[in-house]
Amino acid sequence: MDSSAFETAADALLIDLQTKIEAALDAVDPEIELRGGILTVVLDDGGQFVINKHAPTRQIWVSSPIGGAAHYAWDDGAKLWRSTRSDATLHAALAADLAQASGLTVTL
């Protein structure tokens, strides 16, 4: 994936995640902000998730109070963002962490 394609894909991903997280966590009314390629989700208990694009490595980086830090690279064969350290996918890992932190069912 070249730089331009990464920027386009990463921006679309962050917007999609923002929309889906807002819908999934509506009952707990989190503070959600997308600015400058950084999506921040703050829960009432102080738990904070940060999802951002990292252009130099063409990765999506996630910081979670549940799972810690993770990096995801585009898997062109599977057409999804996969962890650089395991077989986990961005959507599944983030949904599980958000569900555990919020006590709600989260599907991304």
Protein backbone atom coordinates (compact mmCIF):
# COMPACT_ATOMS: atom_id res chain seq x y z
CA MET A 1 0.00 0.00 0.00
CA ASP A 2 1.52 3.33 -1.00
CA SER A 3 1.33 6.48 1.15
CA SER A 4 -1.68 7.94 -0.62
CA ALA A 5 -3.66 4.71 -0.40
CA PHE A 6 -2.72 4.37 3.28
CA GLU A 7 -3.94 7.89 4.08
CA THR A 8 -7.23 7.28 2.30
CA ALA A 9 -7.78 3.88 3.93
CA ALA A 10 -6.73 5.06 7.40
CA ASP A 11 -8.97 8.14 7.29
CA ALA A 12 -11.94 6.03 6.16
CA LEU A 13 -11.22 3.49 8.90
CA LEU A 14 -11.11 6.13 11.64
CA ILE A 15 -14.38 7.71 10.50
CA ASP A 16 -16.04 4.29 10.34
CA LEU A 17 -14.75 3.35 13.79
CA GLN A 18 -15.95 6.65 15.24
CA THR A 19 -19.46 6.08 13.89
CA LYS A 20 -19.63 2.46 15.07
CA ILE A 21 -18.16 3.17 18.51
CA GLU A 22 -20.58 6.07 19.06
CA ALA A 23 -23.51 3.77 18.24
CA ALA A 24 -22.22 0.83 20.31
CA LEU A 25 -21.40 2.89 23.40
CA ASP A 26 -24.35 5.29 23.26
CA ALA A 27 -25.72 3.96 26.55
CA VAL A 28 -22.58 4.98 28.48
CA ASP A 29 -22.19 8.33 26.68
CA PRO A 30 -18.43 8.33 26.14
CA GLU A 31 -16.44 11.35 25.02
CA ILE A 32 -15.39 10.58 21.43
CA GLU A 33 -13.27 12.86 19.28
CA LEU A 34 -11.61 12.43 15.89
CA ARG A 35 -9.04 15.09 15.14
CA GLY A 36 -5.88 15.08 13.06
CA GLY A 37 -5.90 11.35 12.41
CA ILE A 38 -6.38 10.50 16.10
CA LEU A 39 -9.58 8.94 17.43
CA THR A 40 -9.92 9.25 21.20
CA VAL A 41 -12.60 7.48 23.26
CA VAL A 42 -12.85 8.38 26.94
CA LEU A 43 -15.20 6.42 29.19
CA ASP A 44 -16.79 7.77 32.36
CA ASP A 45 -14.52 5.65 34.57
CA GLY A 46 -11.49 7.36 33.02
CA GLY A 47 -10.55 4.55 30.65
CA GLN A 48 -9.14 6.01 27.46
CA PHE A 49 -8.68 4.43 24.05
CA VAL A 50 -6.53 6.12 21.40
CA ILE A 51 -6.59 4.90 17.80
CA ASN A 52 -4.36 6.70 15.34
CA LYS A 53 -2.79 6.38 11.95
CA HIS A 54 0.99 6.15 11.86
CA ALA A 55 2.04 7.21 8.37
CA PRO A 56 5.78 6.38 8.56
CA THR A 57 5.01 2.69 9.14
CA ARG A 58 1.61 2.70 7.37
CA GLN A 59 0.04 1.20 10.48
CA ILE A 60 -2.89 1.88 12.76
CA TRP A 61 -1.80 2.14 16.37
CA VAL A 62 -4.15 1.43 19.27
CA SER A 63 -3.70 2.22 22.93
CA SER A 64 -6.24 0.48 25.15
CA PRO A 65 -6.63 0.40 28.93
CA ILE A 66 -7.50 -3.30 28.55
CA GLY A 67 -5.16 -4.70 25.90
CA GLY A 68 -2.37 -2.15 26.03
CA ALA A 69 -0.58 -0.97 22.89
CA ALA A 70 -0.98 -2.70 19.54
CA HIS A 71 -0.01 -1.98 15.95
CA TYR A 72 -2.01 -3.09 12.92
CA ALA A 73 -0.91 -3.31 9.29
CA TRP A 74 -3.12 -3.78 6.26
CA ASP A 75 -3.39 -7.43 5.18
CA ASP A 76 -4.20 -7.10 1.49
CA GLY A 77 -5.00 -10.79 1.08
CA ALA A 78 -7.57 -10.81 3.88
CA LYS A 79 -8.66 -7.19 3.32
CA LEU A 80 -8.38 -6.23 6.99
CA TRP A 81 -6.06 -4.67 9.56
CA ARG A 82 -4.04 -7.40 11.31
CA SER A 83 -1.79 -7.12 14.36
CA THR A 84 1.92 -6.94 13.65
CA ARG A 85 2.55 -9.15 16.70
CA SER A 86 -0.19 -11.78 16.50
CA ASP A 87 -3.01 -13.01 14.30
CA ALA A 88 -5.52 -10.62 15.96
CA THR A 89 -7.52 -8.23 13.83
CA LEU A 90 -8.07 -4.59 14.69
CA HIS A 91 -11.86 -4.75 14.69
CA ALA A 92 -12.11 -7.90 16.82
CA ALA A 93 -9.49 -6.82 19.37
CA LEU A 94 -10.85 -3.30 19.72
CA ALA A 95 -14.45 -4.53 20.02
CA ALA A 96 -13.45 -6.99 22.76
CA ASP A 97 -11.55 -4.32 24.70
CA LEU A 98 -14.38 -1.78 24.38
CA ALA A 99 -16.91 -4.40 25.51
CA GLN A 100 -14.84 -5.32 28.54
CA ALA A 101 -14.27 -1.67 29.48
CA SER A 102 -17.89 -0.60 29.02
CA GLY A 103 -19.81 -3.72 29.98
CA LEU A 104 -21.73 -3.50 26.69
CA THR A 105 -21.85 -5.70 23.63
CA VAL A 106 -19.69 -4.05 20.97
CA THR A 107 -19.59 -5.05 17.31
CA LEU A 108 -17.32 -3.19 14.93
